[in-house]
Amino acid sequence: MTLTYSVVPIVAGLDKFTNLLTKWEAYLAPGIVKVLPVPAHTFMMIVGVIEVIAGILVFARPRIGAWVVMAWLLCIAATLIIGGHYYDVAVRDVAMAMGAWSLARLSSAPESHS
């Protein structure tokens, strides 16, 4: 589980620089794009850097990183809902956030030595 929540943010983050998987700017609501202080592509590259860092954090410190990824995914879902499009992706991100929540809880649980 840790590997999934490490690799997926890293891959998605790196893809913000290449747009091989999708055109990431399309997921930004027009109202958000209007208030950004930078072009949408530049903003998405900043998002990509944050996602790579979050993925590395999950790998190195799952107890902390999983909470970060959970919050990040919920923010993405909220942004998609506010934008009024991509509800399917928003639902998927909420489901993934719950998986990250589970990882955070499991990583915080004391180990049992039976």
PDB file of N, CA and C in Angstrom:
ATOM      1  N   MET A   1       0.822  -1.180   0.000  1.00  0.00           N
ATOM      2  CA  MET A   1       0.000   0.000   0.000  1.00  0.00           C
ATOM      3  C   MET A   1       0.874   1.254   0.000  1.00  0.00           C
ATOM      4  N   THR A   2       1.949   1.232   0.783  1.00  0.00           N
ATOM      5  CA  THR A   2       2.853   2.380   0.813  1.00  0.00           C
ATOM      6  C   THR A   2       3.419   2.641  -0.573  1.00  0.00           C
ATOM      7  N   LEU A   3       3.763   1.576  -1.277  1.00  0.00           N
ATOM      8  CA  LEU A   3       4.336   1.736  -2.613  1.00  0.00           C
ATOM      9  C   LEU A   3       3.354   2.425  -3.563  1.00  0.00           C
ATOM     10  N   THR A   4       2.088   2.032  -3.513  1.00  0.00           N
ATOM     11  CA  THR A   4       1.076   2.651  -4.374  1.00  0.00           C
ATOM     12  C   THR A   4       0.948   4.139  -4.093  1.00  0.00           C
ATOM     13  N   TYR A   5       0.852   4.504  -2.814  1.00  0.00           N
ATOM     14  CA  TYR A   5       0.672   5.904  -2.453  1.00  0.00           C
ATOM     15  C   TYR A   5       1.974   6.704  -2.541  1.00  0.00           C
ATOM     16  N   SER A   6       3.056   6.049  -2.873  1.00  0.00           N
ATOM     17  CA  SER A   6       4.313   6.734  -3.199  1.00  0.00           C
ATOM     18  C   SER A   6       4.450   6.912  -4.696  1.00  0.00           C
ATOM     19  N   VAL A   7       4.248   5.828  -5.440  1.00  0.00           N
ATOM     20  CA  VAL A   7       4.493   5.839  -6.884  1.00  0.00           C
ATOM     21  C   VAL A   7       3.463   6.682  -7.635  1.00  0.00           C
ATOM     22  N   VAL A   8       2.196   6.545  -7.299  1.00  0.00           N
ATOM     23  CA  VAL A   8       1.150   7.260  -8.046  1.00  0.00           C
ATOM     24  C   VAL A   8       1.345   8.779  -7.971  1.00  0.00           C
ATOM     25  N   PRO A   9       1.548   9.380  -6.791  1.00  0.00           N
ATOM     26  CA  PRO A   9       1.784  10.827  -6.778  1.00  0.00           C
ATOM     27  C   PRO A   9       3.067  11.229  -7.515  1.00  0.00           C
ATOM     28  N   ILE A  10       4.097  10.412  -7.428  1.00  0.00           N
ATOM     29  CA  ILE A  10       5.344  10.738  -8.120  1.00  0.00           C
ATOM     30  C   ILE A  10       5.133  10.709  -9.629  1.00  0.00           C
ATOM     31  N   VAL A  11       4.481   9.680 -10.132  1.00  0.00           N
ATOM     32  CA  VAL A  11       4.227   9.577 -11.579  1.00  0.00           C
ATOM     33  C   VAL A  11       3.334  10.723 -12.047  1.00  0.00           C
ATOM     34  N   ALA A  12       2.239  10.969 -11.308  1.00  0.00           N
ATOM     35  CA  ALA A  12       1.338  12.063 -11.692  1.00  0.00           C
ATOM     36  C   ALA A  12       2.060  13.406 -11.611  1.00  0.00           C
ATOM     37  N   GLY A  13       2.884  13.579 -10.596  1.00  0.00           N
ATOM     38  CA  GLY A  13       3.634  14.825 -10.449  1.00  0.00           C
ATOM     39  C   GLY A  13       4.615  15.044 -11.587  1.00  0.00           C
ATOM     40  N   LEU A  14       5.336  14.008 -11.948  1.00  0.00           N
ATOM     41  CA  LEU A  14       6.286  14.130 -13.060  1.00  0.00           C
ATOM     42  C   LEU A  14       5.568  14.376 -14.376  1.00  0.00           C
ATOM     43  N   ASP A  15       4.380  13.786 -14.520  1.00  0.00           N
ATOM     44  CA  ASP A  15       3.636  13.967 -15.760  1.00  0.00           C
ATOM     45  C   ASP A  15       3.111  15.390 -15.924  1.00  0.00           C
ATOM     46  N   LYS A  16       3.054  16.153 -14.842  1.00  0.00           N
ATOM     47  CA  LYS A  16       2.638  17.556 -14.958  1.00  0.00           C
ATOM     48  C   LYS A  16       3.610  18.330 -15.859  1.00  0.00           C
ATOM     49  N   PHE A  17       4.811  17.812 -16.035  1.00  0.00           N
ATOM     50  CA  PHE A  17       5.818  18.471 -16.880  1.00  0.00           C
ATOM     51  C   PHE A  17       5.749  18.013 -18.332  1.00  0.00           C
ATOM     52  N   THR A  18       5.116  16.869 -18.580  1.00  0.00           N
ATOM     53  CA  THR A  18       5.110  16.316 -19.939  1.00  0.00           C
ATOM     54  C   THR A  18       3.719  16.198 -20.549  1.00  0.00           C
ATOM     55  N   ASN A  19       2.683  16.112 -19.702  1.00  0.00           N
ATOM     56  CA  ASN A  19       1.308  15.917 -20.166  1.00  0.00           C
ATOM     57  C   ASN A  19       1.157  14.679 -21.046  1.00  0.00           C
ATOM     58  N   LEU A  20       1.895  13.627 -20.749  1.00  0.00           N
ATOM     59  CA  LEU A  20       1.764  12.381 -21.504  1.00  0.00           C
ATOM     60  C   LEU A  20       0.490  11.626 -21.128  1.00  0.00           C
ATOM     61  N   LEU A  21       0.133  11.628 -19.854  1.00  0.00           N
ATOM     62  CA  LEU A  21      -1.051  10.899 -19.396  1.00  0.00           C
ATOM     63  C   LEU A  21      -2.337  11.659 -19.712  1.00  0.00           C
ATOM     64  N   THR A  22      -2.298  12.958 -19.573  1.00  0.00           N
ATOM     65  CA  THR A  22      -3.469  13.813 -19.834  1.00  0.00           C
ATOM     66  C   THR A  22      -3.019  15.262 -19.894  1.00  0.00           C
ATOM     67  N   LYS A  23      -3.891  16.112 -20.331  1.00  0.00           N
ATOM     68  CA  LYS A  23      -3.611  17.555 -20.307  1.00  0.00           C
ATOM     69  C   LYS A  23      -4.138  18.064 -18.967  1.00  0.00           C
ATOM     70  N   TRP A  24      -3.257  18.173 -18.011  1.00  0.00           N
ATOM     71  CA  TRP A  24      -3.619  18.446 -16.625  1.00  0.00           C
ATOM     72  C   TRP A  24      -4.330  19.783 -16.445  1.00  0.00           C
ATOM     73  N   GLU A  25      -3.996  20.755 -17.263  1.00  0.00           N
ATOM     74  CA  GLU A  25      -4.613  22.078 -17.125  1.00  0.00           C
ATOM     75  C   GLU A  25      -6.126  22.009 -17.326  1.00  0.00           C
ATOM     76  N   ALA A  26      -6.589  21.015 -18.068  1.00  0.00           N
ATOM     77  CA  ALA A  26      -8.024  20.873 -18.325  1.00  0.00           C
ATOM     78  C   ALA A  26      -8.815  20.628 -17.042  1.00  0.00           C
ATOM     79  N   TYR A  27      -8.162  20.137 -16.006  1.00  0.00           N
ATOM     80  CA  TYR A  27      -8.843  19.852 -14.748  1.00  0.00           C
ATOM     81  C   TYR A  27      -9.033  21.098 -13.882  1.00  0.00           C
ATOM     82  N   LEU A  28      -8.398  22.190 -14.272  1.00  0.00           N
ATOM     83  CA  LEU A  28      -8.555  23.432 -13.514  1.00  0.00           C
ATOM     84  C   LEU A  28      -9.829  24.147 -13.946  1.00  0.00           C
ATOM     85  N   ALA A  29     -10.624  24.552 -12.989  1.00  0.00           N
ATOM     86  CA  ALA A  29     -11.838  25.307 -13.289  1.00  0.00           C
ATOM     87  C   ALA A  29     -11.448  26.662 -13.870  1.00  0.00           C
ATOM     88  N   PRO A  30     -12.195  27.145 -14.864  1.00  0.00           N
ATOM     89  CA  PRO A  30     -11.879  28.448 -15.467  1.00  0.00           C
ATOM     90  C   PRO A  30     -11.788  29.577 -14.440  1.00  0.00           C
ATOM     91  N   GLY A  31     -12.639  29.536 -13.418  1.00  0.00           N
ATOM     92  CA  GLY A  31     -12.583  30.565 -12.381  1.00  0.00           C
ATOM     93  C   GLY A  31     -11.274  30.545 -11.615  1.00  0.00           C
ATOM     94  N   ILE A  32     -10.724  29.360 -11.421  1.00  0.00           N
ATOM     95  CA  ILE A  32      -9.435  29.232 -10.728  1.00  0.00           C
ATOM     96  C   ILE A  32      -8.319  29.740 -11.626  1.00  0.00           C
ATOM     97  N   VAL A  33      -8.372  29.383 -12.900  1.00  0.00           N
ATOM     98  CA  VAL A  33      -7.338  29.820 -13.850  1.00  0.00           C
ATOM     99  C   VAL A  33      -7.275  31.343 -13.897  1.00  0.00           C
ATOM    100  N   LYS A  34      -8.429  32.000 -13.828  1.00  0.00           N
ATOM    101  CA  LYS A  34      -8.481  33.469 -13.906  1.00  0.00           C
ATOM    102  C   LYS A  34      -7.770  34.149 -12.742  1.00  0.00           C
ATOM    103  N   VAL A  35      -7.773  33.512 -11.577  1.00  0.00           N
ATOM    104  CA  VAL A  35      -7.174  34.149 -10.403  1.00  0.00           C
ATOM    105  C   VAL A  35      -5.744  33.687 -10.125  1.00  0.00           C
ATOM    106  N   LEU A  36      -5.242  32.756 -10.921  1.00  0.00           N
ATOM    107  CA  LEU A  36      -3.864  32.292 -10.716  1.00  0.00           C
ATOM    108  C   LEU A  36      -2.880  33.402 -11.057  1.00  0.00           C
ATOM    109  N   PRO A  37      -1.831  33.544 -10.257  1.00  0.00           N
ATOM    110  CA  PRO A  37      -0.822  34.562 -10.557  1.00  0.00           C
ATOM    111  C   PRO A  37       0.171  34.122 -11.639  1.00  0.00           C
ATOM    112  N   VAL A  38       0.048  32.868 -12.084  1.00  0.00           N
ATOM    113  CA  VAL A  38       0.941  32.308 -13.110  1.00  0.00           C
ATOM    114  C   VAL A  38       0.078  31.591 -14.149  1.00  0.00           C
ATOM    115  N   PRO A  39       0.632  31.313 -15.330  1.00  0.00           N
ATOM    116  CA  PRO A  39      -0.130  30.535 -16.316  1.00  0.00           C
ATOM    117  C   PRO A  39      -0.507  29.153 -15.759  1.00  0.00           C
ATOM    118  N   ALA A  40      -1.592  28.587 -16.296  1.00  0.00           N
ATOM    119  CA  ALA A  40      -2.099  27.294 -15.812  1.00  0.00           C
ATOM    120  C   ALA A  40      -1.031  26.206 -15.881  1.00  0.00           C
ATOM    121  N   HIS A  41      -0.256  26.163 -16.962  1.00  0.00           N
ATOM    122  CA  HIS A  41       0.769  25.123 -17.082  1.00  0.00           C
ATOM    123  C   HIS A  41       1.838  25.281 -15.995  1.00  0.00           C
ATOM    124  N   THR A  42       2.237  26.500 -15.722  1.00  0.00           N
ATOM    125  CA  THR A  42       3.221  26.754 -14.661  1.00  0.00           C
ATOM    126  C   THR A  42       2.658  26.317 -13.317  1.00  0.00           C
ATOM    127  N   PHE A  43       1.394  26.641 -13.070  1.00  0.00           N
ATOM    128  CA  PHE A  43       0.740  26.225 -11.831  1.00  0.00           C
ATOM    129  C   PHE A  43       0.750  24.706 -11.701  1.00  0.00           C
ATOM    130  N   MET A  44       0.435  24.023 -12.797  1.00  0.00           N
ATOM    131  CA  MET A  44       0.406  22.561 -12.748  1.00  0.00           C
ATOM    132  C   MET A  44       1.803  21.982 -12.533  1.00  0.00           C
ATOM    133  N   MET A  45       2.840  22.640 -13.021  1.00  0.00           N
ATOM    134  CA  MET A  45       4.204  22.163 -12.744  1.00  0.00           C
ATOM    135  C   MET A  45       4.526  22.327 -11.258  1.00  0.00           C
ATOM    136  N   ILE A  46       4.050  23.414 -10.639  1.00  0.00           N
ATOM    137  CA  ILE A  46       4.230  23.593  -9.193  1.00  0.00           C
ATOM    138  C   ILE A  46       3.494  22.485  -8.446  1.00  0.00           C
ATOM    139  N   VAL A  47       2.276  22.207  -8.894  1.00  0.00           N
ATOM    140  CA  VAL A  47       1.502  21.101  -8.320  1.00  0.00           C
ATOM    141  C   VAL A  47       2.288  19.797  -8.461  1.00  0.00           C
ATOM    142  N   GLY A  48       2.901  19.589  -9.620  1.00  0.00           N
ATOM    143  CA  GLY A  48       3.692  18.387  -9.861  1.00  0.00           C
ATOM    144  C   GLY A  48       4.835  18.227  -8.872  1.00  0.00           C
ATOM    145  N   VAL A  49       5.529  19.319  -8.585  1.00  0.00           N
ATOM    146  CA  VAL A  49       6.629  19.272  -7.617  1.00  0.00           C
ATOM    147  C   VAL A  49       6.096  18.864  -6.244  1.00  0.00           C
ATOM    148  N   ILE A  50       4.967  19.447  -5.860  1.00  0.00           N
ATOM    149  CA  ILE A  50       4.367  19.113  -4.564  1.00  0.00           C
ATOM    150  C   ILE A  50       3.982  17.633  -4.523  1.00  0.00           C
ATOM    151  N   GLU A  51       3.428  17.130  -5.620  1.00  0.00           N
ATOM    152  CA  GLU A  51       3.036  15.720  -5.661  1.00  0.00           C
ATOM    153  C   GLU A  51       4.239  14.790  -5.569  1.00  0.00           C
ATOM    154  N   VAL A  52       5.318  15.132  -6.226  1.00  0.00           N
ATOM    155  CA  VAL A  52       6.535  14.309  -6.137  1.00  0.00           C
ATOM    156  C   VAL A  52       7.040  14.299  -4.698  1.00  0.00           C
ATOM    157  N   ILE A  53       7.065  15.460  -4.065  1.00  0.00           N
ATOM    158  CA  ILE A  53       7.512  15.536  -2.667  1.00  0.00           C
ATOM    159  C   ILE A  53       6.589  14.708  -1.768  1.00  0.00           C
ATOM    160  N   ALA A  54       5.281  14.801  -1.995  1.00  0.00           N
ATOM    161  CA  ALA A  54       4.328  14.031  -1.188  1.00  0.00           C
ATOM    162  C   ALA A  54       4.558  12.529  -1.370  1.00  0.00           C
ATOM    163  N   GLY A  55       4.796  12.089  -2.601  1.00  0.00           N
ATOM    164  CA  GLY A  55       5.058  10.669  -2.858  1.00  0.00           C
ATOM    165  C   GLY A  55       6.313  10.184  -2.160  1.00  0.00           C
ATOM    166  N   ILE A  56       7.346  10.997  -2.211  1.00  0.00           N
ATOM    167  CA  ILE A  56       8.602  10.646  -1.523  1.00  0.00           C
ATOM    168  C   ILE A  56       8.374  10.599  -0.010  1.00  0.00           C
ATOM    169  N   LEU A  57       7.581  11.546   0.496  1.00  0.00           N
ATOM    170  CA  LEU A  57       7.287  11.575   1.931  1.00  0.00           C
ATOM    171  C   LEU A  57       6.528  10.322   2.368  1.00  0.00           C
ATOM    172  N   VAL A  58       5.583   9.866   1.553  1.00  0.00           N
ATOM    173  CA  VAL A  58       4.864   8.628   1.891  1.00  0.00           C
ATOM    174  C   VAL A  58       5.845   7.462   1.959  1.00  0.00           C
ATOM    175  N   PHE A  59       6.769   7.400   1.030  1.00  0.00           N
ATOM    176  CA  PHE A  59       7.735   6.304   1.015  1.00  0.00           C
ATOM    177  C   PHE A  59       8.663   6.362   2.229  1.00  0.00           C
ATOM    178  N   ALA A  60       9.158   7.570   2.540  1.00  0.00           N
ATOM    179  CA  ALA A  60      10.130   7.724   3.622  1.00  0.00           C
ATOM    180  C   ALA A  60       9.475   7.711   5.000  1.00  0.00           C
ATOM    181  N   ARG A  61       8.332   8.347   5.115  1.00  0.00           N
ATOM    182  CA  ARG A  61       7.627   8.480   6.390  1.00  0.00           C
ATOM    183  C   ARG A  61       6.122   8.315   6.174  1.00  0.00           C
ATOM    184  N   PRO A  62       5.668   7.073   5.964  1.00  0.00           N
ATOM    185  CA  PRO A  62       4.255   6.868   5.656  1.00  0.00           C
ATOM    186  C   PRO A  62       3.300   7.412   6.721  1.00  0.00           C
ATOM    187  N   ARG A  63       3.748   7.433   7.944  1.00  0.00           N
ATOM    188  CA  ARG A  63       2.897   7.925   9.035  1.00  0.00           C
ATOM    189  C   ARG A  63       2.526   9.396   8.812  1.00  0.00           C
ATOM    190  N   ILE A  64       3.418  10.180   8.244  1.00  0.00           N
ATOM    191  CA  ILE A  64       3.174  11.601   7.952  1.00  0.00           C
ATOM    192  C   ILE A  64       2.701  11.769   6.513  1.00  0.00           C
ATOM    193  N   GLY A  65       3.386  11.134   5.594  1.00  0.00           N
ATOM    194  CA  GLY A  65       3.102  11.312   4.178  1.00  0.00           C
ATOM    195  C   GLY A  65       1.703  10.909   3.773  1.00  0.00           C
ATOM    196  N   ALA A  66       1.165   9.871   4.389  1.00  0.00           N
ATOM    197  CA  ALA A  66      -0.185   9.426   4.041  1.00  0.00           C
ATOM    198  C   ALA A  66      -1.220  10.490   4.398  1.00  0.00           C
ATOM    199  N   TRP A  67      -1.020  11.192   5.515  1.00  0.00           N
ATOM    200  CA  TRP A  67      -1.931  12.289   5.874  1.00  0.00           C
ATOM    201  C   TRP A  67      -1.837  13.416   4.847  1.00  0.00           C
ATOM    202  N   VAL A  68      -0.614  13.708   4.414  1.00  0.00           N
ATOM    203  CA  VAL A  68      -0.411  14.767   3.415  1.00  0.00           C
ATOM    204  C   VAL A  68      -1.116  14.398   2.109  1.00  0.00           C
ATOM    205  N   VAL A  69      -0.925  13.170   1.649  1.00  0.00           N
ATOM    206  CA  VAL A  69      -1.550  12.729   0.402  1.00  0.00           C
ATOM    207  C   VAL A  69      -3.070  12.708   0.545  1.00  0.00           C
ATOM    208  N   MET A  70      -3.568  12.292   1.695  1.00  0.00           N
ATOM    209  CA  MET A  70      -5.013  12.296   1.914  1.00  0.00           C
ATOM    210  C   MET A  70      -5.571  13.711   1.782  1.00  0.00           C
ATOM    211  N   ALA A  71      -4.949  14.659   2.449  1.00  0.00           N
ATOM    212  CA  ALA A  71      -5.416  16.047   2.390  1.00  0.00           C
ATOM    213  C   ALA A  71      -5.312  16.599   0.972  1.00  0.00           C
ATOM    214  N   TRP A  72      -4.228  16.269   0.295  1.00  0.00           N
ATOM    215  CA  TRP A  72      -4.014  16.736  -1.078  1.00  0.00           C
ATOM    216  C   TRP A  72      -5.109  16.201  -1.999  1.00  0.00           C
ATOM    217  N   LEU A  73      -5.415  14.931  -1.885  1.00  0.00           N
ATOM    218  CA  LEU A  73      -6.459  14.327  -2.721  1.00  0.00           C
ATOM    219  C   LEU A  73      -7.833  14.934  -2.438  1.00  0.00           C
ATOM    220  N   LEU A  74      -8.119  15.225  -1.181  1.00  0.00           N
ATOM    221  CA  LEU A  74      -9.396  15.858  -0.854  1.00  0.00           C
ATOM    222  C   LEU A  74      -9.470  17.276  -1.414  1.00  0.00           C
ATOM    223  N   CYS A  75      -8.351  17.979  -1.405  1.00  0.00           N
ATOM    224  CA  CYS A  75      -8.313  19.323  -2.008  1.00  0.00           C
ATOM    225  C   CYS A  75      -8.537  19.246  -3.517  1.00  0.00           C
ATOM    226  N   ILE A  76      -7.921  18.266  -4.157  1.00  0.00           N
ATOM    227  CA  ILE A  76      -8.129  18.088  -5.598  1.00  0.00           C
ATOM    228  C   ILE A  76      -9.595  17.785  -5.879  1.00  0.00           C
ATOM    229  N   ALA A  77     -10.187  16.897  -5.105  1.00  0.00           N
ATOM    230  CA  ALA A  77     -11.599  16.546  -5.301  1.00  0.00           C
ATOM    231  C   ALA A  77     -12.483  17.773  -5.118  1.00  0.00           C
ATOM    232  N   ALA A  78     -12.212  18.571  -4.098  1.00  0.00           N
ATOM    233  CA  ALA A  78     -13.003  19.782  -3.866  1.00  0.00           C
ATOM    234  C   ALA A  78     -12.876  20.746  -5.043  1.00  0.00           C
ATOM    235  N   THR A  79     -11.677  20.893  -5.562  1.00  0.00           N
ATOM    236  CA  THR A  79     -11.450  21.773  -6.707  1.00  0.00           C
ATOM    237  C   THR A  79     -12.233  21.292  -7.924  1.00  0.00           C
ATOM    238  N   LEU A  80     -12.241  19.996  -8.147  1.00  0.00           N
ATOM    239  CA  LEU A  80     -12.986  19.441  -9.284  1.00  0.00           C
ATOM    240  C   LEU A  80     -14.488  19.649  -9.116  1.00  0.00           C
ATOM    241  N   ILE A  81     -14.980  19.478  -7.908  1.00  0.00           N
ATOM    242  CA  ILE A  81     -16.409  19.681  -7.651  1.00  0.00           C
ATOM    243  C   ILE A  81     -16.775  21.149  -7.828  1.00  0.00           C
ATOM    244  N   ILE A  82     -15.945  22.041  -7.316  1.00  0.00           N
ATOM    245  CA  ILE A  82     -16.181  23.481  -7.481  1.00  0.00           C
ATOM    246  C   ILE A  82     -16.198  23.846  -8.965  1.00  0.00           C
ATOM    247  N   GLY A  83     -15.330  23.207  -9.739  1.00  0.00           N
ATOM    248  CA  GLY A  83     -15.266  23.470 -11.168  1.00  0.00           C
ATOM    249  C   GLY A  83     -16.475  22.964 -11.933  1.00  0.00           C
ATOM    250  N   GLY A  84     -17.240  22.070 -11.321  1.00  0.00           N
ATOM    251  CA  GLY A  84     -18.454  21.582 -11.946  1.00  0.00           C
ATOM    252  C   GLY A  84     -18.252  20.539 -13.033  1.00  0.00           C
ATOM    253  N   HIS A  85     -17.076  19.965 -13.084  1.00  0.00           N
ATOM    254  CA  HIS A  85     -16.775  18.937 -14.075  1.00  0.00           C
ATOM    255  C   HIS A  85     -15.947  17.842 -13.415  1.00  0.00           C
ATOM    256  N   TYR A  86     -15.785  16.750 -14.123  1.00  0.00           N
ATOM    257  CA  TYR A  86     -14.912  15.656 -13.684  1.00  0.00           C
ATOM    258  C   TYR A  86     -15.323  15.091 -12.325  1.00  0.00           C
ATOM    259  N   TYR A  87     -16.639  14.969 -12.122  1.00  0.00           N
ATOM    260  CA  TYR A  87     -17.121  14.399 -10.863  1.00  0.00           C
ATOM    261  C   TYR A  87     -16.612  12.977 -10.666  1.00  0.00           C
ATOM    262  N   ASP A  88     -16.447  12.229 -11.760  1.00  0.00           N
ATOM    263  CA  ASP A  88     -15.938  10.864 -11.649  1.00  0.00           C
ATOM    264  C   ASP A  88     -14.530  10.850 -11.084  1.00  0.00           C
ATOM    265  N   VAL A  89     -13.724  11.795 -11.490  1.00  0.00           N
ATOM    266  CA  VAL A  89     -12.351  11.888 -10.978  1.00  0.00           C
ATOM    267  C   VAL A  89     -12.378  12.335  -9.515  1.00  0.00           C
ATOM    268  N   ALA A  90     -13.297  13.243  -9.190  1.00  0.00           N
ATOM    269  CA  ALA A  90     -13.420  13.702  -7.806  1.00  0.00           C
ATOM    270  C   ALA A  90     -13.788  12.542  -6.879  1.00  0.00           C
ATOM    271  N   VAL A  91     -14.725  11.703  -7.323  1.00  0.00           N
ATOM    272  CA  VAL A  91     -15.120  10.538  -6.522  1.00  0.00           C
ATOM    273  C   VAL A  91     -13.937   9.596  -6.358  1.00  0.00           C
ATOM    274  N   ARG A  92     -13.201   9.365  -7.437  1.00  0.00           N
ATOM    275  CA  ARG A  92     -12.029   8.490  -7.366  1.00  0.00           C
ATOM    276  C   ARG A  92     -11.000   9.055  -6.388  1.00  0.00           C
ATOM    277  N   ASP A  93     -10.796  10.380  -6.419  1.00  0.00           N
ATOM    278  CA  ASP A  93      -9.819  10.983  -5.517  1.00  0.00           C
ATOM    279  C   ASP A  93     -10.261  10.895  -4.056  1.00  0.00           C
ATOM    280  N   VAL A  94     -11.559  11.009  -3.805  1.00  0.00           N
ATOM    281  CA  VAL A  94     -12.059  10.836  -2.436  1.00  0.00           C
ATOM    282  C   VAL A  94     -11.813   9.393  -1.985  1.00  0.00           C
ATOM    283  N   ALA A  95     -12.085   8.435  -2.870  1.00  0.00           N
ATOM    284  CA  ALA A  95     -11.832   7.029  -2.528  1.00  0.00           C
ATOM    285  C   ALA A  95     -10.344   6.790  -2.266  1.00  0.00           C
ATOM    286  N   MET A  96      -9.491   7.378  -3.096  1.00  0.00           N
ATOM    287  CA  MET A  96      -8.050   7.241  -2.876  1.00  0.00           C
ATOM    288  C   MET A  96      -7.625   7.926  -1.571  1.00  0.00           C
ATOM    289  N   ALA A  97      -8.273   9.038  -1.245  1.00  0.00           N
ATOM    290  CA  ALA A  97      -7.974   9.731   0.014  1.00  0.00           C
ATOM    291  C   ALA A  97      -8.310   8.847   1.207  1.00  0.00           C
ATOM    292  N   MET A  98      -9.401   8.082   1.095  1.00  0.00           N
ATOM    293  CA  MET A  98      -9.757   7.174   2.184  1.00  0.00           C
ATOM    294  C   MET A  98      -8.730   6.045   2.301  1.00  0.00           C
ATOM    295  N   GLY A  99      -8.188   5.611   1.183  1.00  0.00           N
ATOM    296  CA  GLY A  99      -7.105   4.632   1.227  1.00  0.00           C
ATOM    297  C   GLY A  99      -5.869   5.209   1.895  1.00  0.00           C
ATOM    298  N   ALA A 100      -5.564   6.473   1.595  1.00  0.00           N
ATOM    299  CA  ALA A 100      -4.422   7.135   2.232  1.00  0.00           C
ATOM    300  C   ALA A 100      -4.677   7.299   3.730  1.00  0.00           C
ATOM    301  N   TRP A 101      -5.936   7.589   4.085  1.00  0.00           N
ATOM    302  CA  TRP A 101      -6.297   7.677   5.499  1.00  0.00           C
ATOM    303  C   TRP A 101      -6.045   6.332   6.193  1.00  0.00           C
ATOM    304  N   SER A 102      -6.432   5.258   5.530  1.00  0.00           N
ATOM    305  CA  SER A 102      -6.201   3.920   6.082  1.00  0.00           C
ATOM    306  C   SER A 102      -4.714   3.648   6.265  1.00  0.00           C
ATOM    307  N   LEU A 103      -3.928   4.032   5.267  1.00  0.00           N
ATOM    308  CA  LEU A 103      -2.479   3.854   5.371  1.00  0.00           C
ATOM    309  C   LEU A 103      -1.922   4.669   6.535  1.00  0.00           C
ATOM    310  N   ALA A 104      -2.400   5.895   6.697  1.00  0.00           N
ATOM    311  CA  ALA A 104      -1.932   6.736   7.810  1.00  0.00           C
ATOM    312  C   ALA A 104      -2.268   6.086   9.144  1.00  0.00           C
ATOM    313  N   ARG A 105      -3.485   5.563   9.257  1.00  0.00           N
ATOM    314  CA  ARG A 105      -3.897   4.918  10.505  1.00  0.00           C
ATOM    315  C   ARG A 105      -3.084   3.658  10.767  1.00  0.00           C
ATOM    316  N   LEU A 106      -2.892   2.842   9.718  1.00  0.00           N
ATOM    317  CA  LEU A 106      -2.118   1.606   9.878  1.00  0.00           C
ATOM    318  C   LEU A 106      -0.663   1.919  10.223  1.00  0.00           C
ATOM    319  N   SER A 107      -0.128   2.980   9.648  1.00  0.00           N
ATOM    320  CA  SER A 107       1.266   3.340   9.903  1.00  0.00           C
ATOM    321  C   SER A 107       1.448   3.872  11.319  1.00  0.00           C
ATOM    322  N   SER A 108       0.375   4.371  11.909  1.00  0.00           N
ATOM    323  CA  SER A 108       0.443   4.918  13.262  1.00  0.00           C
ATOM    324  C   SER A 108       0.143   3.886  14.342  1.00  0.00           C
ATOM    325  N   ALA A 109      -0.411   2.756  13.927  1.00  0.00           N
ATOM    326  CA  ALA A 109      -0.777   1.731  14.902  1.00  0.00           C
ATOM    327  C   ALA A 109       0.466   1.076  15.493  1.00  0.00           C
ATOM    328  N   PRO A 110       0.418   0.811  16.779  1.00  0.00           N
ATOM    329  CA  PRO A 110       1.563   0.111  17.380  1.00  0.00           C
ATOM    330  C   PRO A 110       1.670  -1.304  16.814  1.00  0.00           C
ATOM    331  N   GLU A 111       2.900  -1.743  16.656  1.00  0.00           N
ATOM    332  CA  GLU A 111       3.116  -3.099  16.127  1.00  0.00           C
ATOM    333  C   GLU A 111       2.788  -4.130  17.196  1.00  0.00           C
ATOM    334  N   SER A 112       2.173  -5.187  16.754  1.00  0.00           N
ATOM    335  CA  SER A 112       1.859  -6.276  17.696  1.00  0.00           C
ATOM    336  C   SER A 112       2.885  -7.376  17.504  1.00  0.00           C
ATOM    337  N   HIS A 113       3.422  -7.827  18.583  1.00  0.00           N
ATOM    338  CA  HIS A 113       4.433  -8.905  18.535  1.00  0.00           C
ATOM    339  C   HIS A 113       3.823 -10.166  19.131  1.00  0.00           C
ATOM    340  N   SER A 114       3.119 -10.914  18.294  1.00  0.00           N
ATOM    341  CA  SER A 114       2.466 -12.125  18.808  1.00  0.00           C
ATOM    342  C   SER A 114       3.359 -13.308  18.700  1.00  0.00           C
TER     343      SER A 114
END
